[in-house]
């Protein structure tokens, strides 16, 4: 994983810094709507309801939401264009490698290179666009929201925090198995496309069919692991929501908190489920792309450093444009 991130940082350090700063700005605003929501609910349940004050709170909440959405738009655009630039760069490197293979007569299969250029480069390049900014904004959102809930009612914050640890454990265990399936699928697909490039296609038809069946079986077992993990994660999220409502309701009855705090905590819990789910998916994506990155490096053989220098020169040329 460190090797993958080091390669991404070398290729796009300056643009990644801008994306990280935008991500931190988005994360800093994550809890602000919850505070407005809490104040609005408490104002509505108080004895002195004032329409101007209510409108002011609503305008403030809408302003924060619009600012956050604007920052997310800029972040998404810059991350997307960076990802496309990385796709272009990877394909340029693979194409250069293919040309060198033709000139040197080295034995690298054309089907493998075709698969790498068309599909594997696409997935790896898209990942590179948000490799740093995506986890920063989601982790920052978690810290912001859980910190806010804990500051208003520590017991509710503890429930929110306790939901994350078991989810991390489940994902770590399941993803190790999924990674094996990802590597197997890529290798089998490469082998199948290599067979499709030979002249006597009829001679290998049955073997290619068997490889397609192997890909299907690999994906089927991958789905079993991923969906089982997703089921357990959903159970944990559901239990957390019920726990916050029950504990929050009991605290309201005891006079230790207010309705606005419980409503804000419930909304906050829903907000952390999104970042938590995203980070879980992102970890899976990192793991899968680490495998694909290592498989791509195998195509460059002992001359990896030369292609890295060539890629850097290509990037400087693209920047100059």
Protein backbone atom coordinates (compact mmCIF):
# COMPACT_ATOMS: atom_id res chain seq x y z
CA UNK A 1 0.00 0.00 0.00
CA UNK A 2 2.87 2.37 0.83
CA UNK A 3 4.40 1.73 -2.59
CA UNK A 4 1.10 2.58 -4.31
CA UNK A 5 0.66 5.83 -2.37
CA UNK A 6 4.30 6.81 -2.90
CA UNK A 7 3.85 6.44 -6.66
CA UNK A 8 0.66 8.54 -6.62
CA UNK A 9 2.32 11.25 -4.50
CA UNK A 10 5.34 11.45 -6.81
CA UNK A 11 3.06 11.86 -9.79
CA UNK A 12 0.66 14.48 -8.37
CA UNK A 13 1.93 15.94 -5.08
CA UNK A 14 1.01 19.58 -5.80
CA UNK A 15 -2.54 18.85 -6.87
CA UNK A 16 -3.03 16.40 -4.01
CA UNK A 17 -2.17 19.15 -1.49
CA UNK A 18 -4.93 21.37 -2.93
CA UNK A 19 -7.41 18.49 -2.72
CA UNK A 20 -6.45 17.78 0.89
CA UNK A 21 -7.02 21.42 1.85
CA UNK A 22 -10.44 21.38 0.19
CA UNK A 23 -11.25 18.12 1.99
CA UNK A 24 -10.36 19.62 5.37
CA UNK A 25 -12.63 22.59 4.64
CA UNK A 26 -15.56 20.29 3.81
CA UNK A 27 -14.94 18.20 6.95
CA UNK A 28 -14.79 21.32 9.15
CA UNK A 29 -18.32 22.28 8.05
CA UNK A 30 -19.79 18.80 8.57
CA UNK A 31 -21.13 19.36 12.08
CA UNK A 32 -22.34 22.94 11.57
CA UNK A 33 -25.83 22.00 10.21
CA UNK A 34 -26.36 19.78 13.26
CA UNK A 35 -25.88 22.73 15.60
CA UNK A 36 -28.39 24.79 13.61
CA UNK A 37 -30.81 21.85 13.63
CA UNK A 38 -30.47 21.50 17.38
CA UNK A 39 -31.12 25.21 17.93
CA UNK A 40 -34.16 25.17 15.61
CA UNK A 41 -35.76 22.18 17.36
CA UNK A 42 -35.12 23.63 20.80
CA UNK A 43 -36.51 26.98 19.69
CA UNK A 44 -39.68 25.32 18.38
CA UNK A 45 -40.18 23.45 21.66
CA UNK A 46 -39.57 26.50 23.84
CA UNK A 47 -42.24 28.82 25.24
CA UNK A 48 -40.92 31.90 23.43
CA UNK A 49 -41.05 31.18 19.70
CA UNK A 50 -39.91 34.15 17.62
CA UNK A 51 -40.34 34.01 13.85
CA UNK A 52 -37.40 36.35 13.01
CA UNK A 53 -35.00 34.26 15.12
CA UNK A 54 -36.31 31.07 13.50
CA UNK A 55 -35.80 32.52 10.02
CA UNK A 56 -32.28 33.62 10.95
CA UNK A 57 -31.40 30.09 12.10
CA UNK A 58 -32.85 28.64 8.89
CA UNK A 59 -30.90 31.10 6.73
CA UNK A 60 -27.71 30.30 8.60
CA UNK A 61 -28.22 26.57 8.17
CA UNK A 62 -28.91 26.95 4.44
CA UNK A 63 -25.84 29.15 4.02
CA UNK A 64 -23.59 26.51 5.62
CA UNK A 65 -25.14 23.78 3.45
CA UNK A 66 -24.60 25.79 0.24
CA UNK A 67 -20.97 26.57 1.17
CA UNK A 68 -20.30 22.90 1.89
CA UNK A 69 -21.90 21.81 -1.40
CA UNK A 70 -19.86 24.39 -3.34
CA UNK A 71 -16.63 23.13 -1.80
CA UNK A 72 -17.64 19.53 -2.58
CA UNK A 73 -18.32 20.52 -6.21
CA UNK A 74 -14.83 22.02 -6.58
CA UNK A 75 -13.30 19.03 -4.81
CA UNK A 76 -15.13 16.54 -7.02
CA UNK A 77 -14.18 18.36 -10.22
CA UNK A 78 -10.49 18.63 -9.36
CA UNK A 79 -10.32 15.02 -8.14
CA UNK A 80 -12.08 13.78 -11.27
CA UNK A 81 -9.81 15.64 -13.69
CA UNK A 82 -6.74 14.49 -11.77
CA UNK A 83 -7.96 10.91 -12.05
CA UNK A 84 -8.38 11.25 -15.82
CA UNK A 85 -4.90 12.72 -16.09
CA UNK A 86 -3.50 9.74 -14.19
CA UNK A 87 -5.38 7.32 -16.49
CA UNK A 88 -3.79 9.04 -19.49
CA UNK A 89 -0.33 8.85 -17.93
CA UNK A 90 -0.60 5.14 -17.05
CA UNK A 91 -1.76 4.34 -20.58
CA UNK A 92 1.14 6.32 -22.04
CA UNK A 93 3.58 4.30 -19.91
CA UNK A 94 1.98 0.99 -20.90
CA UNK A 95 1.99 1.99 -24.58
CA UNK A 96 5.67 2.89 -24.36
CA UNK A 97 6.34 -0.48 -22.77
CA UNK A 98 4.44 -2.23 -25.59
CA UNK A 99 6.52 -0.41 -28.22
CA UNK A 100 9.75 -1.40 -26.45
CA UNK A 101 8.58 -5.01 -26.34
CA UNK A 102 7.96 -5.02 -30.10
CA UNK A 103 11.39 -3.56 -30.79
CA UNK A 104 13.30 -5.87 -28.42
CA UNK A 105 11.37 -9.03 -29.19
CA UNK A 106 10.76 -9.57 -25.48
CA UNK A 107 8.04 -12.08 -24.64
CA UNK A 108 5.15 -10.07 -23.23
CA UNK A 109 1.69 -11.17 -24.31
CA UNK A 110 -0.39 -8.68 -26.29
CA UNK A 111 -3.66 -9.72 -24.65
CA UNK A 112 -2.30 -8.90 -21.22
CA UNK A 113 -1.12 -5.46 -22.37
CA UNK A 114 -4.50 -4.77 -24.02
CA UNK A 115 -6.36 -5.61 -20.80
CA UNK A 116 -3.97 -3.49 -18.76
CA UNK A 117 -4.31 -0.45 -21.04
CA UNK A 118 -8.10 -0.63 -21.44
CA UNK A 119 -9.41 -1.73 -18.03
CA UNK A 120 -6.73 -1.86 -15.34
CA UNK A 121 -5.35 1.61 -16.12
CA UNK A 122 -8.89 3.04 -15.92
CA UNK A 123 -9.53 1.69 -12.43
CA UNK A 124 -6.12 2.59 -11.03
CA UNK A 125 -6.17 6.11 -12.50
CA UNK A 126 -9.62 6.91 -11.11
CA UNK A 127 -8.49 5.76 -7.69
CA UNK A 128 -5.43 8.01 -7.82
CA UNK A 129 -7.64 11.10 -8.22
CA UNK A 130 -9.15 10.72 -4.76
CA UNK A 131 -6.47 8.61 -3.08
CA UNK A 132 -5.69 11.30 -0.49
CA UNK A 133 -8.69 13.66 -0.51
CA UNK A 134 -11.42 11.02 -0.17
CA UNK A 135 -10.22 9.52 3.13
CA UNK A 136 -9.35 12.98 4.50
CA UNK A 137 -12.85 14.37 3.96
CA UNK A 138 -14.57 11.26 5.32
CA UNK A 139 -12.32 10.83 8.37
CA UNK A 140 -12.60 14.56 9.01
CA UNK A 141 -16.39 14.31 8.82
CA UNK A 142 -16.40 11.46 11.33
CA UNK A 143 -14.18 13.39 13.74
CA UNK A 144 -16.26 16.54 13.33
CA UNK A 145 -19.66 14.88 13.82
CA UNK A 146 -18.68 12.49 16.63
CA UNK A 147 -16.85 15.32 18.37
CA UNK A 148 -19.96 17.49 18.16
CA UNK A 149 -22.24 14.75 19.50
CA UNK A 150 -19.82 14.01 22.35
CA UNK A 151 -19.60 17.69 23.28
CA UNK A 152 -23.40 17.98 23.58
CA UNK A 153 -24.00 14.60 25.26
CA UNK A 154 -21.01 12.31 26.01
CA UNK A 155 -23.09 9.14 26.37
CA UNK A 156 -24.62 9.55 22.93
CA UNK A 157 -21.16 10.27 21.52
CA UNK A 158 -19.89 7.04 23.09
CA UNK A 159 -22.57 5.03 21.26
CA UNK A 160 -21.61 6.69 17.97
CA UNK A 161 -17.93 5.92 18.58
CA UNK A 162 -18.60 2.32 19.61
CA UNK A 163 -20.26 1.63 16.24
CA UNK A 164 -17.03 2.18 14.32
CA UNK A 165 -14.60 -0.26 16.00
CA UNK A 166 -16.47 -3.53 15.21
CA UNK A 167 -17.05 -2.39 11.63
CA UNK A 168 -13.31 -1.87 11.15
CA UNK A 169 -12.61 -5.38 12.49
CA UNK A 170 -15.19 -6.99 10.19
CA UNK A 171 -13.80 -5.22 7.13
CA UNK A 172 -10.18 -6.10 7.90
CA UNK A 173 -11.03 -9.78 8.20
CA UNK A 174 -13.26 -9.99 5.12
CA UNK A 175 -11.08 -7.87 2.85
CA UNK A 176 -8.05 -10.14 3.23
CA UNK A 177 -10.04 -12.92 1.61
CA UNK A 178 -11.50 -10.62 -1.06
CA UNK A 179 -7.98 -9.46 -2.03
CA UNK A 180 -7.07 -13.02 -2.95
CA UNK A 181 -10.12 -13.24 -5.22
CA UNK A 182 -9.27 -9.89 -6.87
CA UNK A 183 -5.75 -11.04 -7.78
CA UNK A 184 -7.04 -14.38 -9.07
CA UNK A 185 -9.68 -12.67 -11.22
CA UNK A 186 -7.18 -10.29 -12.86
CA UNK A 187 -4.72 -13.10 -13.64
CA UNK A 188 -7.43 -15.36 -15.08
CA UNK A 189 -8.82 -12.52 -17.23
CA UNK A 190 -5.35 -11.71 -18.56
CA UNK A 191 -4.80 -15.35 -19.45
CA UNK A 192 -8.16 -15.53 -21.23
CA UNK A 193 -7.44 -12.43 -23.35
CA UNK A 194 -3.99 -13.80 -24.21
CA UNK A 195 -5.63 -16.93 -25.62
CA UNK A 196 -8.06 -14.83 -27.65
CA UNK A 197 -5.19 -13.15 -29.51
CA UNK A 198 -3.78 -16.32 -31.05
CA UNK A 199 -4.59 -17.20 -34.65
CA UNK A 200 -6.21 -20.63 -34.11
CA UNK A 201 -9.00 -19.47 -31.79
CA UNK A 202 -11.02 -22.67 -32.18
CA UNK A 203 -8.22 -24.70 -30.61
CA UNK A 204 -8.47 -22.85 -27.30
CA UNK A 205 -12.22 -22.16 -27.19
CA UNK A 206 -12.91 -24.74 -24.48
CA UNK A 207 -9.97 -23.52 -22.37
CA UNK A 208 -11.23 -19.93 -22.60
CA UNK A 209 -14.72 -21.09 -21.61
CA UNK A 210 -13.21 -22.79 -18.56
CA UNK A 211 -11.42 -19.56 -17.64
CA UNK A 212 -14.67 -17.60 -17.95
CA UNK A 213 -16.26 -20.13 -15.57
CA UNK A 214 -13.34 -19.65 -13.18
CA UNK A 215 -13.86 -15.86 -13.25
CA UNK A 216 -17.55 -16.37 -12.48
CA UNK A 217 -16.78 -18.66 -9.55
CA UNK A 218 -14.21 -16.22 -8.20
CA UNK A 219 -16.69 -13.35 -8.36
CA UNK A 220 -19.40 -15.48 -6.75
CA UNK A 221 -17.22 -16.24 -3.73
CA UNK A 222 -16.20 -12.58 -3.55
CA UNK A 223 -19.88 -11.57 -3.41
CA UNK A 224 -20.50 -14.00 -0.53
CA UNK A 225 -17.78 -12.39 1.58
CA UNK A 226 -18.64 -8.79 0.70
CA UNK A 227 -22.42 -9.13 1.16
CA UNK A 228 -22.04 -11.03 4.45
CA UNK A 229 -19.80 -8.25 5.76
CA UNK A 230 -22.28 -5.62 4.53
CA UNK A 231 -25.10 -7.41 6.39
CA UNK A 232 -23.18 -7.33 9.68
CA UNK A 233 -22.30 -3.66 9.20
CA UNK A 234 -25.97 -2.79 8.60
CA UNK A 235 -26.94 -4.64 11.79
CA UNK A 236 -24.42 -2.56 13.75
CA UNK A 237 -25.74 0.70 12.25
CA UNK A 238 -29.33 -0.24 13.04
CA UNK A 239 -28.46 -1.15 16.62
CA UNK A 240 -26.63 2.15 17.03
CA UNK A 241 -29.65 4.18 15.90
CA UNK A 242 -31.97 2.32 18.28
CA UNK A 243 -29.44 2.75 21.10
CA UNK A 244 -29.19 6.51 20.60
CA UNK A 245 -32.99 6.90 20.54
CA UNK A 246 -33.48 4.77 23.66
CA UNK A 247 -30.67 6.32 25.69
CA UNK A 248 -31.51 9.82 24.45
CA UNK A 249 -35.18 9.35 25.32
CA UNK A 250 -34.27 8.14 28.81
CA UNK A 251 -31.98 11.16 29.34
CA UNK A 252 -34.78 13.51 28.23
CA UNK A 253 -37.16 11.87 30.72
CA UNK A 254 -34.53 12.30 33.44
CA UNK A 255 -34.10 15.95 32.51
CA UNK A 256 -30.40 15.47 31.68
CA UNK A 257 -30.65 16.58 28.04
CA UNK A 258 -33.10 18.21 25.62
CA UNK A 259 -35.05 17.00 22.61
CA UNK A 260 -32.92 19.05 20.20
CA UNK A 261 -29.78 17.24 21.33
CA UNK A 262 -31.37 13.81 20.75
CA UNK A 263 -32.62 14.86 17.29
CA UNK A 264 -29.20 16.27 16.38
CA UNK A 265 -27.49 13.11 17.67
CA UNK A 266 -29.82 10.90 15.62
CA UNK A 267 -29.15 12.99 12.50
CA UNK A 268 -25.43 12.93 13.29
CA UNK A 269 -25.56 9.15 13.56
CA UNK A 270 -27.08 8.99 10.09
CA UNK A 271 -24.34 11.33 8.84
CA UNK A 272 -21.50 9.18 10.19
CA UNK A 273 -22.96 6.06 8.59
CA UNK A 274 -22.25 7.58 5.17
CA UNK A 275 -18.55 8.37 5.84
CA UNK A 276 -18.09 5.05 7.65
CA UNK A 277 -19.56 3.14 4.73
CA UNK A 278 -17.46 5.17 2.31
CA UNK A 279 -14.24 4.53 4.24
CA UNK A 280 -15.01 0.81 4.29
CA UNK A 281 -15.56 0.84 0.53
CA UNK A 282 -12.46 2.99 0.11
CA UNK A 283 -10.34 0.54 2.09
CA UNK A 284 -11.60 -2.23 -0.15
CA UNK A 285 -10.76 -0.11 -3.17
CA UNK A 286 -7.27 0.61 -1.84
CA UNK A 287 -6.67 -3.08 -1.25
CA UNK A 288 -7.92 -4.04 -4.71
CA UNK A 289 -5.89 -1.31 -6.44
CA UNK A 290 -2.77 -2.27 -4.51
CA UNK A 291 -3.09 -5.74 -6.03
CA UNK A 292 -3.67 -4.28 -9.51
CA UNK A 293 -0.75 -1.87 -9.09
CA UNK A 294 1.58 -4.73 -8.23
CA UNK A 295 0.30 -6.70 -11.22
CA UNK A 296 0.90 -3.69 -13.50
CA UNK A 297 4.44 -3.34 -12.21
CA UNK A 298 5.08 -6.94 -13.25
CA UNK A 299 4.52 -5.86 -16.88
CA UNK A 300 7.45 -3.43 -16.75
CA UNK A 301 9.95 -6.05 -15.61
CA UNK A 302 13.39 -4.81 -14.49
CA UNK A 303 13.05 -1.43 -16.30
CA UNK A 304 10.49 0.12 -13.92
CA UNK A 305 12.70 3.09 -12.98
CA UNK A 306 13.14 4.11 -16.62
CA UNK A 307 9.37 4.17 -17.19
CA UNK A 308 8.89 6.20 -14.03
CA UNK A 309 11.29 8.83 -15.35
CA UNK A 310 9.57 8.74 -18.71
CA UNK A 311 6.19 9.16 -17.01
CA UNK A 312 7.48 12.14 -15.05
CA UNK A 313 8.68 13.78 -18.23
CA UNK A 314 5.31 13.12 -19.85
CA UNK A 315 3.53 14.71 -16.92
CA UNK A 316 5.68 17.84 -17.10
CA UNK A 317 4.80 18.10 -20.79
CA UNK A 318 1.08 17.79 -19.99
CA UNK A 319 1.37 20.50 -17.33
CA UNK A 320 3.09 22.79 -19.80
CA UNK A 321 0.13 22.38 -22.13
